[in-house]
């Protein structure tokens, strides 16, 4: 019976985020830090990457060994102690497991720690040192990963999300595990991994996979996969807010034919460079976006207008509490708007006041001082209090338990504020429903998310307006003072040339 170890250490690191990332950042998540049998029990039957690993393992009759599963909401560079502790736990479980026939890991690809810029590469090299050179190591990653050549040398196969919004981690987990089964049965020769890194650092705002440059790249990769010798072509748009010299776009090819694998990666890299301008996107600043939204609301319609505060996306390292967009809406008396914001102190105040209580609240603007907007002083009435727990039914969350911590609905004039205690992007309608708001009936929704919210909100929205507001995940990269990215790099160096090598 083949013995396969599984594990997950996942963090998308935003070096400009005002939120620190410590070991407790991982422990505060829904699953905490799971180890061993607890990992296997928690993920069994789930529509997750590890759930996909376990499903194939059960069908194949494998003995599954749990190592560590830990994830944290995107935030600043991971503390060295946290990285070392999580990696150490994984290695301890691998050593204790004894002889293994394979390892399946669900990582992110854009994790940057204080002592390892290429955190996934560091983890996989350490895993390889424990399991030896002959055990297959296959990895599932997010398409926003910043991939390095050193990482590629440590692994035998890479399987990236092909949807953005990310609704396919489970399917990619199935794909990786099915590849492992083919390797173990001898049906597939053990592959290797090849990389191309065009000098591109595009913002994530235009990396949707239903349209645009990512769709074109993925479709070209599909053509390569249709031929012999290519197991998988993984397109990584990259994550520009992880400030290190390997951040940016990469093409990763898993292949059994070395010459074909590198040729595929190189050709795909040159193609990505040729369509680089398609990643550029201009979005309106706050006054223009709010005016546009309010005009649409005034015209009526049976679906809400959505203002997406993409720059403060907690799913990209935003604090979730910036105030410029909310301030403008409140100033204009935007009656009928419903918005989500992170503010544990305001929730505690609301709980003390109780339902129906009224008071003066200082909303948002706490995490980064005045960098992204000061707190907003408002007179508010507490309408609903909740434990913030619900089961998500949208495509991104897919039946998983969601915990926002103590949550309050505070009405400010005609606005409904959903104030949560645990920072996360509102990528499911449940973030509104948990306090009794029916989002499809609201004229205007304000959501702090870059794109994953679209999977659940686009079907109910009249239109979605992305907003250029202050925040740690603003798509205008010229707002940031990069210290470590390689230069020249597009689009920071717009006029640069590249010969494809």
Protein backbone atom coordinates (compact mmCIF):
# COMPACT_ATOMS: atom_id res chain seq x y z
CA UNK A 1 0.00 0.00 0.00
CA UNK A 2 1.59 3.33 -1.07
CA UNK A 3 2.14 5.77 1.80
CA UNK A 4 1.47 9.41 0.84
CA UNK A 5 2.00 12.43 3.08
CA UNK A 6 -0.09 15.59 2.66
CA UNK A 7 0.21 19.08 4.08
CA UNK A 8 -0.43 22.79 3.65
CA UNK A 9 1.35 25.99 4.68
CA UNK A 10 -0.32 28.90 2.91
CA UNK A 11 0.17 32.66 3.03
CA UNK A 12 0.05 35.36 0.36
CA UNK A 13 2.52 37.93 1.62
CA UNK A 14 2.05 41.66 1.09
CA UNK A 15 5.26 43.42 2.16
CA UNK A 16 3.35 46.73 2.32
CA UNK A 17 0.58 45.47 4.60
CA UNK A 18 0.28 47.14 8.01
CA UNK A 19 -0.82 43.81 9.54
CA UNK A 20 1.95 41.72 11.14
CA UNK A 21 2.14 37.98 10.42
CA UNK A 22 3.07 35.85 13.42
CA UNK A 23 2.40 32.25 14.36
CA UNK A 24 -0.85 33.39 15.99
CA UNK A 25 -1.97 34.75 12.60
CA UNK A 26 -2.15 31.14 11.41
CA UNK A 27 -3.67 29.85 14.66
CA UNK A 28 -6.46 32.43 14.47
CA UNK A 29 -7.84 30.98 11.26
CA UNK A 30 -10.85 28.65 11.18
CA UNK A 31 -8.80 25.47 11.24
CA UNK A 32 -6.04 26.68 13.54
CA UNK A 33 -2.86 24.70 12.97
CA UNK A 34 -3.91 21.12 12.30
CA UNK A 35 -1.51 18.21 12.59
CA UNK A 36 -1.50 14.50 11.85
CA UNK A 37 -4.82 12.69 12.10
CA UNK A 38 -6.66 15.93 12.92
CA UNK A 39 -5.67 17.26 9.50
CA UNK A 40 -7.03 14.16 7.77
CA UNK A 41 -10.32 14.29 9.69
CA UNK A 42 -10.91 18.00 9.10
CA UNK A 43 -10.27 17.96 5.35
CA UNK A 44 -11.93 14.64 4.50
CA UNK A 45 -14.80 15.29 2.10
CA UNK A 46 -14.03 19.00 1.76
CA UNK A 47 -13.94 20.81 -1.57
CA UNK A 48 -10.37 21.95 -0.97
CA UNK A 49 -6.97 21.11 -2.36
CA UNK A 50 -6.23 18.70 0.48
CA UNK A 51 -9.76 17.35 0.16
CA UNK A 52 -8.90 16.48 -3.44
CA UNK A 53 -5.68 14.76 -2.36
CA UNK A 54 -7.56 12.66 0.19
CA UNK A 55 -10.36 11.73 -2.21
CA UNK A 56 -7.93 10.30 -4.76
CA UNK A 57 -5.97 8.63 -1.98
CA UNK A 58 -9.08 6.85 -0.74
CA UNK A 59 -9.92 5.68 -4.26
CA UNK A 60 -6.35 4.43 -4.79
CA UNK A 61 -6.16 2.67 -1.44
CA UNK A 62 -3.24 4.80 -0.23
CA UNK A 63 -2.27 5.17 3.40
CA UNK A 64 -2.51 8.90 3.98
CA UNK A 65 -0.22 10.64 6.48
CA UNK A 66 -1.15 14.09 7.72
CA UNK A 67 1.64 16.55 8.44
CA UNK A 68 0.58 20.18 9.02
CA UNK A 69 -2.20 22.38 7.65
CA UNK A 70 -2.04 26.10 8.39
CA UNK A 71 -3.13 29.23 6.55
CA UNK A 72 -3.39 32.92 7.39
CA UNK A 73 -5.18 35.86 5.81
CA UNK A 74 -2.70 37.80 3.62
CA UNK A 75 -0.60 40.30 5.57
CA UNK A 76 3.00 41.48 5.98
CA UNK A 77 6.20 39.39 5.72
CA UNK A 78 5.88 36.24 7.83
CA UNK A 79 7.89 36.35 11.04
CA UNK A 80 10.94 34.10 10.93
CA UNK A 81 9.77 32.27 14.05
CA UNK A 82 6.40 31.47 12.46
CA UNK A 83 7.97 30.19 9.25
CA UNK A 84 10.45 28.05 11.14
CA UNK A 85 7.80 26.66 13.49
CA UNK A 86 5.40 25.61 10.73
CA UNK A 87 8.14 24.18 8.53
CA UNK A 88 9.58 22.40 11.54
CA UNK A 89 6.24 20.78 12.36
CA UNK A 90 5.90 19.53 8.79
CA UNK A 91 9.41 18.08 8.79
CA UNK A 92 8.87 16.42 12.17
CA UNK A 93 5.81 14.60 10.85
CA UNK A 94 7.66 13.52 7.71
CA UNK A 95 10.55 12.14 9.75
CA UNK A 96 8.16 10.31 12.06
CA UNK A 97 6.32 8.80 9.11
CA UNK A 98 9.31 6.75 7.98
CA UNK A 99 9.38 5.46 4.43
CA UNK A 100 7.08 7.39 2.09
CA UNK A 101 6.11 6.80 -1.53
CA UNK A 102 5.04 10.35 -2.27
CA UNK A 103 4.27 13.82 -0.86
CA UNK A 104 1.43 16.13 -1.91
CA UNK A 105 1.55 19.74 -0.68
CA UNK A 106 -0.94 22.58 -1.03
CA UNK A 107 1.09 25.79 -0.75
CA UNK A 108 0.44 29.31 -2.02
CA UNK A 109 3.48 30.45 -4.00
CA UNK A 110 3.72 34.06 -2.77
CA UNK A 111 4.76 33.49 0.83
CA UNK A 112 7.71 35.62 1.91
CA UNK A 113 9.17 35.27 5.39
CA UNK A 114 11.74 37.37 7.19
CA UNK A 115 14.30 34.59 6.81
CA UNK A 116 13.21 33.10 3.47
CA UNK A 117 12.09 35.28 0.57
CA UNK A 118 11.23 32.18 -1.43
CA UNK A 119 9.35 30.54 1.44
CA UNK A 120 7.79 27.77 -0.66
CA UNK A 121 11.18 26.96 -2.14
CA UNK A 122 12.66 26.83 1.35
CA UNK A 123 9.88 24.49 2.53
CA UNK A 124 10.18 22.19 -0.48
CA UNK A 125 13.98 21.99 -0.29
CA UNK A 126 13.67 21.04 3.37
CA UNK A 127 11.03 18.43 2.56
CA UNK A 128 13.23 17.04 -0.19
CA UNK A 129 16.14 16.72 2.24
CA UNK A 130 13.97 14.58 4.52
CA UNK A 131 12.26 12.35 1.93
CA UNK A 132 15.30 11.91 -0.30
CA UNK A 133 15.75 12.29 -4.06
CA UNK A 134 13.60 9.35 -5.18
CA UNK A 135 10.22 10.22 -3.63
CA UNK A 136 7.84 12.22 -5.89
CA UNK A 137 6.90 15.66 -4.49
CA UNK A 138 3.94 17.33 -6.22
CA UNK A 139 2.64 20.78 -5.28
CA UNK A 140 -0.61 22.68 -5.81
CA UNK A 141 -0.25 26.48 -5.96
CA UNK A 142 -2.21 29.71 -6.38
CA UNK A 143 -1.85 31.48 -9.75
CA UNK A 144 -0.66 34.59 -7.88
CA UNK A 145 2.50 32.76 -6.83
CA UNK A 146 6.00 34.20 -7.34
CA UNK A 147 7.89 31.13 -8.49
CA UNK A 148 11.67 30.66 -8.49
CA UNK A 149 14.02 28.35 -10.35
CA UNK A 150 15.28 26.98 -7.02
CA UNK A 151 11.74 25.96 -6.05
CA UNK A 152 11.35 24.16 -9.38
CA UNK A 153 14.48 22.08 -8.74
CA UNK A 154 13.01 20.71 -5.50
CA UNK A 155 9.68 19.45 -6.87
CA UNK A 156 8.49 16.96 -9.48
CA UNK A 157 5.27 18.62 -10.55
CA UNK A 158 3.29 21.85 -10.19
CA UNK A 159 -0.49 22.26 -10.52
CA UNK A 160 -1.81 25.82 -10.42
CA UNK A 161 -5.34 27.17 -10.06
CA UNK A 162 -6.81 27.88 -13.49
CA UNK A 163 -9.68 30.03 -12.23
CA UNK A 164 -9.65 33.54 -10.83
CA UNK A 165 -11.84 33.97 -8.78
CA UNK A 166 -10.34 30.80 -7.32
CA UNK A 167 -13.11 28.23 -7.41
CA UNK A 168 -10.98 25.22 -8.38
CA UNK A 169 -8.55 24.33 -5.52
CA UNK A 170 -10.39 21.02 -5.09
CA UNK A 171 -10.12 20.18 -8.80
CA UNK A 172 -6.43 21.02 -8.85
CA UNK A 173 -5.93 18.85 -5.79
CA UNK A 174 -7.58 15.99 -7.66
CA UNK A 175 -5.35 16.65 -10.66
CA UNK A 176 -2.14 16.62 -8.61
CA UNK A 177 -3.10 13.44 -6.77
CA UNK A 178 -4.14 11.69 -9.99
CA UNK A 179 -0.74 12.58 -11.45
CA UNK A 180 0.87 11.02 -8.36
CA UNK A 181 -1.15 7.85 -8.97
CA UNK A 182 0.09 7.68 -12.56
CA UNK A 183 3.70 8.10 -11.45
CA UNK A 184 3.41 5.41 -8.78
CA UNK A 185 1.76 2.95 -11.17
CA UNK A 186 4.49 3.46 -13.76
CA UNK A 187 2.02 4.81 -16.31
CA UNK A 188 3.79 8.20 -16.28
CA UNK A 189 7.58 8.60 -16.20
CA UNK A 190 8.67 10.81 -13.33
CA UNK A 191 8.45 14.37 -14.69
CA UNK A 192 10.58 17.45 -14.09
CA UNK A 193 9.70 21.10 -13.80
CA UNK A 194 10.82 23.92 -16.14
CA UNK A 195 10.48 27.68 -15.75
CA UNK A 196 10.40 30.90 -17.75
CA UNK A 197 10.32 34.27 -16.00
CA UNK A 198 9.64 37.22 -18.29
CA UNK A 199 10.53 40.48 -16.52
CA UNK A 200 6.92 41.36 -15.70
CA UNK A 201 5.34 42.55 -12.46
CA UNK A 202 1.69 43.14 -13.39
CA UNK A 203 -0.91 44.18 -10.84
CA UNK A 204 -3.45 41.48 -9.97
CA UNK A 205 -6.45 43.64 -10.97
CA UNK A 206 -6.56 42.26 -14.51
CA UNK A 207 -5.75 38.59 -13.86
CA UNK A 208 -9.29 37.26 -14.17
CA UNK A 209 -9.35 34.00 -16.09
CA UNK A 210 -12.72 34.40 -17.79
CA UNK A 211 -11.26 37.09 -20.04
CA UNK A 212 -8.09 39.01 -20.84
CA UNK A 213 -4.42 37.99 -20.85
CA UNK A 214 -4.67 35.18 -18.29
CA UNK A 215 -7.38 33.49 -20.33
CA UNK A 216 -5.23 33.77 -23.47
CA UNK A 217 -2.19 32.33 -21.69
CA UNK A 218 -4.10 29.45 -20.13
CA UNK A 219 -5.64 28.55 -23.49
CA UNK A 220 -2.22 28.49 -25.13
CA UNK A 221 -0.98 26.28 -22.31
CA UNK A 222 -3.89 23.92 -22.96
CA UNK A 223 -2.68 23.53 -26.54
CA UNK A 224 0.75 22.47 -25.31
CA UNK A 225 -0.79 20.02 -22.83
CA UNK A 226 -2.72 18.35 -25.64
CA UNK A 227 0.55 17.05 -27.12
CA UNK A 228 2.90 14.36 -25.80
CA UNK A 229 5.55 15.02 -23.18
CA UNK A 230 3.78 17.92 -21.40
CA UNK A 231 1.97 17.01 -18.19
CA UNK A 232 0.91 20.49 -17.07
CA UNK A 233 1.43 24.13 -18.06
CA UNK A 234 0.92 26.45 -15.08
CA UNK A 235 0.49 30.18 -15.68
CA UNK A 236 1.39 32.42 -12.73
CA UNK A 237 0.46 36.07 -13.02
CA UNK A 238 2.47 36.70 -9.86
CA UNK A 239 1.88 38.81 -6.75
CA UNK A 240 3.61 42.20 -6.96
CA UNK A 241 3.18 43.19 -3.31
CA UNK A 242 5.68 40.56 -2.11
CA UNK A 243 8.72 42.79 -2.41
CA UNK A 244 11.60 40.52 -3.45
CA UNK A 245 13.70 39.98 -6.54
CA UNK A 246 11.75 37.01 -7.92
CA UNK A 247 8.27 38.53 -7.69
CA UNK A 248 6.29 38.55 -10.91
CA UNK A 249 5.02 36.48 -13.79
CA UNK A 250 6.27 32.97 -14.47
CA UNK A 251 5.41 29.99 -16.63
CA UNK A 252 5.99 26.61 -14.99
CA UNK A 253 5.90 23.46 -17.12
CA UNK A 254 5.74 19.93 -15.73
CA UNK A 255 7.03 17.61 -18.46
CA UNK A 256 8.49 14.20 -19.14
CA UNK A 257 10.40 15.48 -22.19
CA UNK A 258 13.18 17.85 -21.02
CA UNK A 259 13.74 19.60 -24.34
CA UNK A 260 10.03 20.05 -24.95
CA UNK A 261 9.40 21.18 -21.38
CA UNK A 262 11.89 24.05 -21.56
CA UNK A 263 10.84 24.98 -25.10
CA UNK A 264 7.23 25.19 -23.95
CA UNK A 265 8.16 27.38 -20.96
CA UNK A 266 10.28 29.70 -23.09
CA UNK A 267 7.66 30.10 -25.81
CA UNK A 268 4.93 30.75 -23.26
CA UNK A 269 7.13 33.31 -21.50
CA UNK A 270 7.72 35.17 -24.77
CA UNK A 271 3.98 35.10 -25.47
CA UNK A 272 3.24 36.55 -22.03
CA UNK A 273 5.69 39.37 -22.74
CA UNK A 274 4.07 40.07 -26.11
CA UNK A 275 0.64 40.65 -24.50
CA UNK A 276 1.91 42.41 -21.36
CA UNK A 277 0.01 45.62 -22.02
CA UNK A 278 -3.24 43.64 -21.76
CA UNK A 279 -2.60 43.41 -18.01
CA UNK A 280 -2.90 47.20 -17.65
CA UNK A 281 -6.20 48.55 -16.38
CA UNK A 282 -7.32 52.01 -15.32
CA UNK A 283 -9.99 52.35 -12.63
CA UNK A 284 -11.73 55.45 -11.22
CA UNK A 285 -10.69 57.20 -8.04
CA UNK A 286 -13.11 57.53 -5.14
CA UNK A 287 -15.10 60.68 -6.11
CA UNK A 288 -15.64 59.53 -9.68
CA UNK A 289 -16.53 55.96 -8.67
CA UNK A 290 -19.01 57.06 -5.99
CA UNK A 291 -20.66 59.57 -8.33
CA UNK A 292 -21.02 56.89 -10.99
CA UNK A 293 -22.51 54.43 -8.49
CA UNK A 294 -24.99 56.89 -7.01
CA UNK A 295 -26.18 57.91 -10.47
CA UNK A 296 -26.86 54.27 -11.33
CA UNK A 297 -28.70 53.76 -8.04
CA UNK A 298 -30.82 56.84 -8.70
CA UNK A 299 -31.83 55.41 -12.06
CA UNK A 300 -33.30 52.39 -10.31
CA UNK A 301 -33.00 48.75 -11.22
CA UNK A 302 -33.71 45.43 -9.58
CA UNK A 303 -30.07 44.56 -8.88
CA UNK A 304 -27.46 46.23 -6.66
CA UNK A 305 -24.52 48.30 -7.81
CA UNK A 306 -21.28 47.01 -6.29
CA UNK A 307 -18.37 49.28 -5.35
CA UNK A 308 -15.24 47.10 -5.03
CA UNK A 309 -12.63 48.63 -2.72
CA UNK A 310 -9.89 46.60 -4.42
CA UNK A 311 -7.01 48.46 -2.78
CA UNK A 312 -8.10 47.39 0.70
CA UNK A 313 -8.69 43.74 -0.15
CA UNK A 314 -7.86 41.67 2.96
CA UNK A 315 -7.36 38.74 0.59
CA UNK A 316 -4.36 40.62 -0.84
CA UNK A 317 -2.93 42.04 2.38
CA UNK A 318 -5.21 45.04 2.80
CA UNK A 319 -6.15 45.93 6.36
CA UNK A 320 -9.87 45.82 5.64
CA UNK A 321 -10.43 49.06 7.56
CA UNK A 322 -9.42 51.92 5.25
CA UNK A 323 -11.91 54.77 5.26
CA UNK A 324 -11.68 57.04 2.20
CA UNK A 325 -14.44 55.28 0.24
CA UNK A 326 -16.75 54.96 3.25
CA UNK A 327 -16.08 58.57 4.22
CA UNK A 328 -17.19 59.83 0.81
CA UNK A 329 -20.34 57.70 0.85
CA UNK A 330 -21.28 58.91 4.34
CA UNK A 331 -20.56 62.52 3.36
CA UNK A 332 -22.93 62.17 0.42
CA UNK A 333 -25.61 60.52 2.55
CA UNK A 334 -25.60 57.34 0.48
CA UNK A 335 -28.86 55.93 1.78
CA UNK A 336 -29.36 52.25 1.03
CA UNK A 337 -25.68 51.32 0.90
CA UNK A 338 -24.43 48.25 2.75
CA UNK A 339 -20.70 47.90 3.46
CA UNK A 340 -18.32 45.53 5.27
CA UNK A 341 -15.45 46.78 7.42
CA UNK A 342 -13.04 45.28 9.97
CA UNK A 343 -13.13 46.97 13.38
CA UNK A 344 -13.05 44.74 16.49
CA UNK A 345 -13.22 47.73 18.83
CA UNK A 346 -16.42 49.02 17.22
CA UNK A 347 -17.95 45.54 17.52
CA UNK A 348 -17.15 45.44 21.24
CA UNK A 349 -18.70 48.88 21.69
CA UNK A 350 -21.82 47.72 19.83
CA UNK A 351 -22.08 44.66 22.06
CA UNK A 352 -21.94 46.84 25.17
CA UNK A 353 -24.66 49.12 23.78
CA UNK A 354 -26.86 46.19 22.77
CA UNK A 355 -29.42 45.95 20.00
CA UNK A 356 -31.16 49.29 19.58
CA UNK A 357 -28.39 51.14 21.37
CA UNK A 358 -26.99 54.33 19.87
CA UNK A 359 -23.57 55.88 20.25
CA UNK A 360 -20.62 57.64 18.71
CA UNK A 361 -18.31 55.21 16.90
CA UNK A 362 -14.80 55.67 15.52
CA UNK A 363 -15.04 53.38 12.48
CA UNK A 364 -11.96 52.00 10.69
CA UNK A 365 -8.62 53.66 10.08
CA UNK A 366 -6.87 51.95 13.00
CA UNK A 367 -4.45 49.47 11.44
CA UNK A 368 -2.17 51.84 9.54
CA UNK A 369 -2.54 55.09 11.43
CA UNK A 370 -3.46 57.85 9.00
CA UNK A 371 -1.60 56.23 6.09
CA UNK A 372 -4.78 55.04 4.38
CA UNK A 373 -7.31 57.33 6.07
CA UNK A 374 -8.16 58.29 9.65
CA UNK A 375 -11.10 56.79 11.57
CA UNK A 376 -14.55 58.11 10.73
CA UNK A 377 -16.55 59.47 13.65
CA UNK A 378 -20.21 58.61 13.17
CA UNK A 379 -23.44 58.42 15.11
CA UNK A 380 -24.66 54.86 14.78
CA UNK A 381 -27.45 52.57 15.95
CA UNK A 382 -26.86 48.87 16.67
CA UNK A 383 -29.37 46.84 14.66
CA UNK A 384 -28.02 43.28 14.81
CA UNK A 385 -25.42 41.36 16.80
CA UNK A 386 -24.09 37.99 15.63
CA UNK A 387 -21.36 35.47 16.39
CA UNK A 388 -20.30 35.96 12.75
CA UNK A 389 -20.43 32.26 11.87
CA UNK A 390 -22.08 30.91 8.74
CA UNK A 391 -21.71 28.25 6.10
CA UNK A 392 -20.69 29.69 2.76
CA UNK A 393 -22.55 28.60 -0.33
CA UNK A 394 -20.87 30.73 -2.96
CA UNK A 395 -18.37 29.18 -5.38
CA UNK A 396 -15.27 30.39 -3.51
CA UNK A 397 -16.27 29.19 -0.04
CA UNK A 398 -18.22 26.09 -1.16
CA UNK A 399 -19.91 24.77 1.97
CA UNK A 400 -17.08 25.56 4.37
CA UNK A 401 -17.63 27.11 7.78
CA UNK A 402 -16.76 30.82 7.91
CA UNK A 403 -16.02 32.64 11.17
CA UNK A 404 -15.97 36.45 11.20
CA UNK A 405 -15.80 36.62 14.99
CA UNK A 406 -18.33 38.76 16.86
CA UNK A 407 -20.10 40.84 14.23
CA UNK A 408 -22.41 43.84 14.38
CA UNK A 409 -24.66 45.67 11.99
CA UNK A 410 -24.42 49.36 12.78
CA UNK A 411 -26.68 51.74 10.84
CA UNK A 412 -25.23 55.16 10.13
CA UNK A 413 -27.89 57.37 8.61
CA UNK A 414 -29.17 55.34 5.71
CA UNK A 415 -26.06 53.14 5.49
CA UNK A 416 -25.76 49.65 6.90
CA UNK A 417 -22.26 48.80 8.16
CA UNK A 418 -21.35 45.14 8.67
CA UNK A 419 -18.51 45.33 11.18
CA UNK A 420 -16.48 42.15 11.76
CA UNK A 421 -13.85 41.15 14.29
CA UNK A 422 -11.78 38.82 12.09
CA UNK A 423 -10.18 40.42 9.03
CA UNK A 424 -11.12 38.72 5.76
CA UNK A 425 -12.46 39.56 2.32
CA UNK A 426 -16.23 39.41 1.87
CA UNK A 427 -16.17 36.82 -0.92
CA UNK A 428 -19.54 35.27 -0.09
CA UNK A 429 -23.03 36.73 0.32
CA UNK A 430 -23.02 35.20 3.78
CA UNK A 431 -20.92 38.10 5.05
CA UNK A 432 -24.04 40.25 4.69
CA UNK A 433 -26.64 37.62 5.49
CA UNK A 434 -24.99 36.83 8.84
CA UNK A 435 -26.46 40.11 10.18
CA UNK A 436 -29.77 39.82 8.35
CA UNK A 437 -28.95 41.83 5.24
CA UNK A 438 -30.18 40.37 1.96
CA UNK A 439 -27.54 41.65 -0.45
CA UNK A 440 -29.58 41.09 -3.61
CA UNK A 441 -32.17 43.58 -2.28
CA UNK A 442 -29.73 46.37 -1.43
CA UNK A 443 -29.30 49.16 -4.00
CA UNK A 444 -25.56 49.58 -3.28
CA UNK A 445 -23.00 47.15 -1.87
CA UNK A 446 -19.46 48.13 -0.81
CA UNK A 447 -17.07 45.16 -0.72
CA UNK A 448 -13.41 45.13 0.26
CA UNK A 449 -12.13 42.49 -2.15
CA UNK A 450 -10.11 42.43 -5.35
CA UNK A 451 -11.89 39.81 -7.39
CA UNK A 452 -12.92 36.62 -5.59
CA UNK A 453 -16.19 38.27 -4.51
CA UNK A 454 -17.27 38.24 -8.15
CA UNK A 455 -17.95 34.52 -8.14
CA UNK A 456 -20.88 35.01 -5.73
CA UNK A 457 -21.84 38.66 -6.29
CA UNK A 458 -21.58 39.07 -10.06
CA UNK A 459 -24.77 37.05 -10.67
CA UNK A 460 -26.80 39.41 -8.45
CA UNK A 461 -25.10 42.69 -9.47
CA UNK A 462 -26.31 45.31 -11.90
CA UNK A 463 -22.71 46.42 -12.35
CA UNK A 464 -19.38 46.29 -10.50
CA UNK A 465 -17.23 49.42 -10.18
CA UNK A 466 -13.64 48.90 -9.04
CA UNK A 467 -12.26 51.84 -7.06
CA UNK A 468 -8.75 53.33 -6.89
CA UNK A 469 -8.62 54.18 -3.18
CA UNK A 470 -5.77 54.15 -0.64
CA UNK A 471 -4.72 50.72 0.57
CA UNK A 472 -1.92 48.18 0.77
CA UNK A 473 -3.20 46.29 -2.29
CA UNK A 474 -3.74 49.21 -4.65
CA UNK A 475 -3.33 48.11 -8.30
CA UNK A 476 -1.41 51.29 -9.12
CA UNK A 477 2.09 49.97 -8.35
CA UNK A 478 3.61 53.43 -8.64
CA UNK A 479 2.12 54.15 -5.20
CA UNK A 480 4.63 51.77 -3.59
CA UNK A 481 8.34 52.15 -2.81
CA UNK A 482 9.79 48.83 -3.90
CA UNK A 483 13.15 48.00 -2.36
CA UNK A 484 13.94 44.53 -3.65
CA UNK A 485 12.20 43.73 -6.95
CA UNK A 486 14.59 43.16 -9.83
CA UNK A 487 15.04 46.10 -12.19
CA UNK A 488 14.36 46.84 -14.91
CA UNK A 489 10.93 45.25 -14.75
CA UNK A 490 7.70 46.07 -16.54
CA UNK A 491 5.54 48.09 -15.88
CA UNK A 492 7.69 49.96 -13.35
CA UNK A 493 10.13 50.40 -16.22
CA UNK A 494 7.60 50.83 -19.01
CA UNK A 495 10.05 51.34 -21.89
CA UNK A 496 12.34 48.39 -21.16
CA UNK A 497 13.10 45.71 -23.74
CA UNK A 498 13.52 41.95 -23.32
CA UNK A 499 15.05 39.50 -25.79
CA UNK A 500 13.13 36.48 -24.49
CA UNK A 501 16.11 34.86 -22.75
